């Protein structure tokens, strides 16, 4: 399954909606979409919507951490929207949810 990342404004917040598999094969596209959104919205909150993600490997987790660091360095922030129980459990077990806010919705 291919990765698709779409950037839009949802409830006034720049949002990157991700669909598909985030792994070594798609990490470049994932990185590009995240960093493009962070740099285009310097000083603002950027939300990454992972509800369409089927699988997220360690490289994807690392890329989320890197994008959050880039957002914070630009006086902004990055948060995750995730309602998928399996993926949410992965974010909790890896303690990514302690570094990046994980919410149930954008609003």
N, C-alpha and C. Protein backbone atom coordinates (compact mmCIF):
# COMPACT_ATOMS: atom_id res chain seq x y z
N UNK A 1 0.85 -1.18 0.00
CA UNK A 1 0.00 0.00 0.00
C UNK A 1 0.89 1.24 0.00
N UNK A 2 0.57 2.18 -0.84
CA UNK A 2 1.32 3.42 -0.94
C UNK A 2 0.96 4.37 0.18
N UNK A 3 1.83 5.34 0.37
CA UNK A 3 1.59 6.38 1.36
C UNK A 3 1.05 7.61 0.65
N UNK A 4 0.04 8.21 1.24
CA UNK A 4 -0.49 9.47 0.72
C UNK A 4 -0.57 10.44 1.88
N UNK A 5 -0.02 11.62 1.69
CA UNK A 5 -0.06 12.67 2.71
C UNK A 5 -0.65 13.92 2.08
N UNK A 6 -1.72 14.42 2.68
CA UNK A 6 -2.42 15.59 2.16
C UNK A 6 -2.43 16.67 3.23
N UNK A 7 -2.00 17.86 2.85
CA UNK A 7 -1.97 18.98 3.79
C UNK A 7 -3.15 19.91 3.50
N UNK A 8 -3.87 20.28 4.55
CA UNK A 8 -4.99 21.20 4.43
C UNK A 8 -5.17 21.93 5.76
N UNK A 9 -6.11 22.83 5.79
CA UNK A 9 -6.45 23.54 7.02
C UNK A 9 -7.75 22.93 7.55
N UNK A 10 -7.70 22.41 8.77
CA UNK A 10 -8.87 21.80 9.39
C UNK A 10 -9.12 22.53 10.71
N UNK A 11 -10.29 23.10 10.85
CA UNK A 11 -10.65 23.87 12.05
C UNK A 11 -9.61 24.95 12.33
N UNK A 12 -9.08 25.54 11.27
CA UNK A 12 -8.11 26.62 11.40
C UNK A 12 -6.69 26.18 11.70
N UNK A 13 -6.44 24.86 11.67
CA UNK A 13 -5.13 24.32 12.02
C UNK A 13 -4.51 23.62 10.80
N UNK A 14 -3.26 23.95 10.46
CA UNK A 14 -2.58 23.23 9.38
C UNK A 14 -2.49 21.74 9.75
N UNK A 15 -2.98 20.88 8.87
CA UNK A 15 -3.09 19.46 9.18
C UNK A 15 -2.53 18.62 8.03
N UNK A 16 -1.71 17.64 8.39
CA UNK A 16 -1.21 16.67 7.43
C UNK A 16 -1.94 15.36 7.69
N UNK A 17 -2.83 14.98 6.78
CA UNK A 17 -3.57 13.72 6.89
C UNK A 17 -2.77 12.65 6.15
N UNK A 18 -2.46 11.57 6.85
CA UNK A 18 -1.61 10.52 6.29
C UNK A 18 -2.43 9.24 6.13
N UNK A 19 -2.33 8.62 4.94
CA UNK A 19 -3.01 7.37 4.65
C UNK A 19 -2.00 6.37 4.10
N UNK A 20 -2.08 5.13 4.57
CA UNK A 20 -1.23 4.08 4.04
C UNK A 20 -0.24 3.56 5.07
N UNK A 21 0.88 3.08 4.57
CA UNK A 21 1.91 2.48 5.39
C UNK A 21 3.10 3.42 5.49
N UNK A 22 3.54 3.70 6.72
CA UNK A 22 4.73 4.51 6.95
C UNK A 22 5.84 3.53 7.34
N UNK A 23 6.76 3.32 6.39
CA UNK A 23 7.89 2.42 6.63
C UNK A 23 9.09 2.93 5.85
N UNK A 24 10.15 2.14 5.80
CA UNK A 24 11.36 2.60 5.12
C UNK A 24 11.11 2.94 3.66
N UNK A 25 10.17 2.26 3.03
CA UNK A 25 9.87 2.53 1.64
C UNK A 25 9.15 3.85 1.40
N UNK A 26 8.47 4.35 2.40
CA UNK A 26 7.69 5.58 2.24
C UNK A 26 8.19 6.72 3.12
N UNK A 27 9.27 6.49 3.85
CA UNK A 27 9.70 7.49 4.84
C UNK A 27 10.09 8.83 4.21
N UNK A 28 10.64 8.81 3.01
CA UNK A 28 11.04 10.06 2.35
C UNK A 28 9.81 10.93 2.07
N UNK A 29 8.74 10.32 1.58
CA UNK A 29 7.52 11.08 1.31
C UNK A 29 6.90 11.58 2.61
N UNK A 30 6.94 10.76 3.65
CA UNK A 30 6.42 11.15 4.96
C UNK A 30 7.20 12.34 5.51
N UNK A 31 8.52 12.23 5.46
CA UNK A 31 9.40 13.31 5.94
C UNK A 31 9.12 14.60 5.17
N UNK A 32 9.06 14.51 3.85
CA UNK A 32 8.83 15.70 3.03
C UNK A 32 7.52 16.39 3.39
N UNK A 33 6.46 15.61 3.55
CA UNK A 33 5.15 16.19 3.87
C UNK A 33 5.16 16.86 5.24
N UNK A 34 5.75 16.20 6.23
CA UNK A 34 5.80 16.77 7.58
C UNK A 34 6.62 18.06 7.62
N UNK A 35 7.84 17.98 7.07
CA UNK A 35 8.71 19.15 7.15
C UNK A 35 8.21 20.31 6.29
N UNK A 36 7.58 20.00 5.17
CA UNK A 36 7.00 21.06 4.35
C UNK A 36 5.91 21.80 5.14
N UNK A 37 5.07 21.06 5.84
CA UNK A 37 4.00 21.67 6.63
C UNK A 37 4.57 22.46 7.79
N UNK A 38 5.57 21.92 8.47
CA UNK A 38 6.19 22.62 9.61
C UNK A 38 6.83 23.92 9.15
N UNK A 39 7.59 23.87 8.06
CA UNK A 39 8.29 25.08 7.60
C UNK A 39 7.33 26.11 7.00
N UNK A 40 6.27 25.66 6.38
CA UNK A 40 5.28 26.59 5.81
C UNK A 40 4.45 27.26 6.90
N UNK A 41 4.45 26.68 8.09
CA UNK A 41 3.62 27.21 9.19
C UNK A 41 4.49 27.49 10.41
N UNK A 42 5.62 28.10 10.18
CA UNK A 42 6.56 28.42 11.25
C UNK A 42 5.87 29.21 12.36
N UNK A 43 6.08 28.79 13.59
CA UNK A 43 5.50 29.47 14.73
C UNK A 43 4.07 29.04 15.04
N UNK A 44 3.56 28.06 14.31
CA UNK A 44 2.18 27.63 14.50
C UNK A 44 2.12 26.15 14.90
N UNK A 45 0.97 25.74 15.36
CA UNK A 45 0.71 24.34 15.63
C UNK A 45 0.42 23.64 14.31
N UNK A 46 1.03 22.49 14.11
CA UNK A 46 0.75 21.62 12.96
C UNK A 46 0.26 20.30 13.53
N UNK A 47 -0.83 19.78 12.97
CA UNK A 47 -1.39 18.51 13.42
C UNK A 47 -1.13 17.45 12.35
N UNK A 48 -0.76 16.26 12.81
CA UNK A 48 -0.58 15.12 11.92
C UNK A 48 -1.70 14.14 12.24
N UNK A 49 -2.58 13.91 11.26
CA UNK A 49 -3.71 13.01 11.42
C UNK A 49 -3.29 11.62 10.95
N UNK A 50 -3.14 10.69 11.88
CA UNK A 50 -2.69 9.34 11.58
C UNK A 50 -3.83 8.34 11.45
N UNK A 51 -5.06 8.79 11.44
CA UNK A 51 -6.19 7.86 11.41
C UNK A 51 -6.23 6.97 10.17
N UNK A 52 -5.61 7.40 9.08
CA UNK A 52 -5.59 6.58 7.87
C UNK A 52 -4.36 5.69 7.75
N UNK A 53 -3.51 5.70 8.77
CA UNK A 53 -2.27 4.91 8.72
C UNK A 53 -2.56 3.46 9.07
N UNK A 54 -2.09 2.56 8.21
CA UNK A 54 -2.28 1.12 8.40
C UNK A 54 -1.16 0.56 9.27
N UNK A 55 0.06 1.05 9.06
CA UNK A 55 1.21 0.58 9.83
C UNK A 55 2.21 1.74 9.96
N UNK A 56 2.88 1.78 11.10
CA UNK A 56 3.86 2.83 11.38
C UNK A 56 5.07 2.16 12.02
N UNK A 57 6.20 2.15 11.29
CA UNK A 57 7.39 1.49 11.84
C UNK A 57 8.23 2.47 12.65
N UNK A 58 9.36 1.99 13.16
CA UNK A 58 10.22 2.82 14.00
C UNK A 58 10.76 4.04 13.27
N UNK A 59 11.02 3.92 11.98
CA UNK A 59 11.49 5.07 11.20
C UNK A 59 10.42 6.17 11.19
N UNK A 60 9.16 5.76 11.09
CA UNK A 60 8.07 6.73 11.12
C UNK A 60 7.94 7.41 12.46
N UNK A 61 8.13 6.64 13.55
CA UNK A 61 8.11 7.24 14.89
C UNK A 61 9.23 8.25 15.03
N UNK A 62 10.41 7.89 14.54
CA UNK A 62 11.54 8.82 14.60
C UNK A 62 11.29 10.08 13.79
N UNK A 63 10.63 9.93 12.65
CA UNK A 63 10.34 11.09 11.82
C UNK A 63 9.34 12.01 12.50
N UNK A 64 8.37 11.45 13.22
CA UNK A 64 7.44 12.28 13.98
C UNK A 64 8.18 13.09 15.05
N UNK A 65 9.13 12.43 15.73
CA UNK A 65 9.93 13.13 16.74
C UNK A 65 10.75 14.25 16.11
N UNK A 66 11.36 13.97 14.96
CA UNK A 66 12.15 14.97 14.26
C UNK A 66 11.32 16.15 13.80
N UNK A 67 10.12 15.88 13.30
CA UNK A 67 9.24 16.96 12.84
C UNK A 67 8.76 17.80 14.02
N UNK A 68 8.49 17.15 15.16
CA UNK A 68 8.09 17.90 16.36
C UNK A 68 9.23 18.79 16.82
N UNK A 69 10.45 18.29 16.78
CA UNK A 69 11.61 19.10 17.16
C UNK A 69 11.78 20.29 16.22
N UNK A 70 11.59 20.06 14.93
CA UNK A 70 11.70 21.15 13.96
C UNK A 70 10.62 22.20 14.19
N UNK A 71 9.41 21.76 14.50
CA UNK A 71 8.32 22.70 14.78
C UNK A 71 8.62 23.53 16.02
N UNK A 72 9.12 22.90 17.05
CA UNK A 72 9.43 23.61 18.29
C UNK A 72 10.59 24.56 18.11
N UNK A 73 11.54 24.17 17.29
CA UNK A 73 12.68 25.04 17.01
C UNK A 73 12.23 26.31 16.27
N UNK A 74 11.13 26.20 15.54
CA UNK A 74 10.57 27.34 14.81
C UNK A 74 9.47 28.02 15.61
N UNK A 75 9.48 27.82 16.94
CA UNK A 75 8.50 28.43 17.85
C UNK A 75 7.07 27.98 17.59
N UNK A 76 6.91 26.77 17.09
CA UNK A 76 5.59 26.19 16.89
C UNK A 76 5.49 24.89 17.67
N UNK A 77 4.61 24.02 17.24
CA UNK A 77 4.49 22.71 17.87
C UNK A 77 3.85 21.75 16.88
N UNK A 78 3.92 20.47 17.20
CA UNK A 78 3.33 19.43 16.39
C UNK A 78 2.55 18.51 17.33
N UNK A 79 1.33 18.18 16.93
CA UNK A 79 0.50 17.26 17.69
C UNK A 79 -0.03 16.20 16.75
N UNK A 80 -0.45 15.09 17.32
CA UNK A 80 -0.94 13.95 16.55
C UNK A 80 -2.41 13.72 16.87
N UNK A 81 -3.20 13.41 15.84
CA UNK A 81 -4.56 12.94 16.01
C UNK A 81 -4.56 11.46 15.65
N UNK A 82 -5.05 10.64 16.57
CA UNK A 82 -5.07 9.20 16.34
C UNK A 82 -6.19 8.57 17.17
N UNK A 83 -7.13 7.92 16.49
CA UNK A 83 -8.19 7.22 17.19
C UNK A 83 -8.08 5.71 17.02
N UNK A 84 -7.16 5.25 16.20
CA UNK A 84 -6.94 3.82 15.98
C UNK A 84 -6.32 3.22 17.24
N UNK A 85 -7.03 2.29 17.87
CA UNK A 85 -6.57 1.73 19.16
C UNK A 85 -5.21 1.06 19.06
N UNK A 86 -4.99 0.29 18.00
CA UNK A 86 -3.72 -0.42 17.85
C UNK A 86 -2.56 0.56 17.70
N UNK A 87 -2.75 1.57 16.87
CA UNK A 87 -1.70 2.56 16.67
C UNK A 87 -1.51 3.42 17.92
N UNK A 88 -2.60 3.75 18.56
CA UNK A 88 -2.53 4.55 19.80
C UNK A 88 -1.75 3.79 20.88
N UNK A 89 -1.98 2.49 20.98
CA UNK A 89 -1.24 1.66 21.93
C UNK A 89 0.25 1.68 21.61
N UNK A 90 0.59 1.62 20.33
CA UNK A 90 2.01 1.70 19.92
C UNK A 90 2.63 3.03 20.34
N UNK A 91 1.90 4.10 20.17
CA UNK A 91 2.40 5.42 20.57
C UNK A 91 2.61 5.49 22.09
N UNK A 92 1.75 4.83 22.84
CA UNK A 92 1.87 4.80 24.29
C UNK A 92 3.02 3.91 24.74
N UNK A 93 3.14 2.73 24.14
CA UNK A 93 4.20 1.78 24.53
C UNK A 93 5.60 2.31 24.23
N UNK A 94 5.70 3.07 23.16
CA UNK A 94 7.01 3.65 22.81
C UNK A 94 7.24 4.98 23.54
N UNK A 95 6.23 5.40 24.27
CA UNK A 95 6.24 6.65 25.03
C UNK A 95 6.35 7.90 24.15
N UNK A 96 6.03 7.76 22.88
CA UNK A 96 6.00 8.91 22.00
C UNK A 96 4.95 9.90 22.47
N UNK A 97 3.87 9.38 23.08
CA UNK A 97 2.79 10.24 23.57
C UNK A 97 3.22 11.12 24.73
N UNK A 98 4.39 10.85 25.31
CA UNK A 98 4.91 11.71 26.38
C UNK A 98 5.74 12.87 25.81
N UNK A 99 6.13 12.75 24.55
CA UNK A 99 6.91 13.81 23.90
C UNK A 99 6.06 14.65 22.96
N UNK A 100 5.04 14.02 22.39
CA UNK A 100 4.16 14.69 21.44
C UNK A 100 2.72 14.46 21.91
N UNK A 101 1.94 15.50 22.00
CA UNK A 101 0.54 15.38 22.40
C UNK A 101 -0.22 14.56 21.38
N UNK A 102 -0.97 13.56 21.84
CA UNK A 102 -1.81 12.73 20.98
C UNK A 102 -3.25 12.99 21.39
N UNK A 103 -4.06 13.40 20.41
CA UNK A 103 -5.45 13.74 20.68
C UNK A 103 -6.40 12.84 19.87
N UNK A 104 -7.68 12.89 20.24
CA UNK A 104 -8.70 12.12 19.54
C UNK A 104 -9.27 12.89 18.33
N UNK A 105 -9.15 14.21 18.34
CA UNK A 105 -9.70 15.00 17.24
C UNK A 105 -8.90 16.30 17.10
N UNK A 106 -9.11 16.97 15.99
CA UNK A 106 -8.40 18.22 15.75
C UNK A 106 -9.01 19.36 16.53
N UNK A 107 -10.33 19.37 16.62
CA UNK A 107 -10.99 20.47 17.35
C UNK A 107 -11.04 20.26 18.83
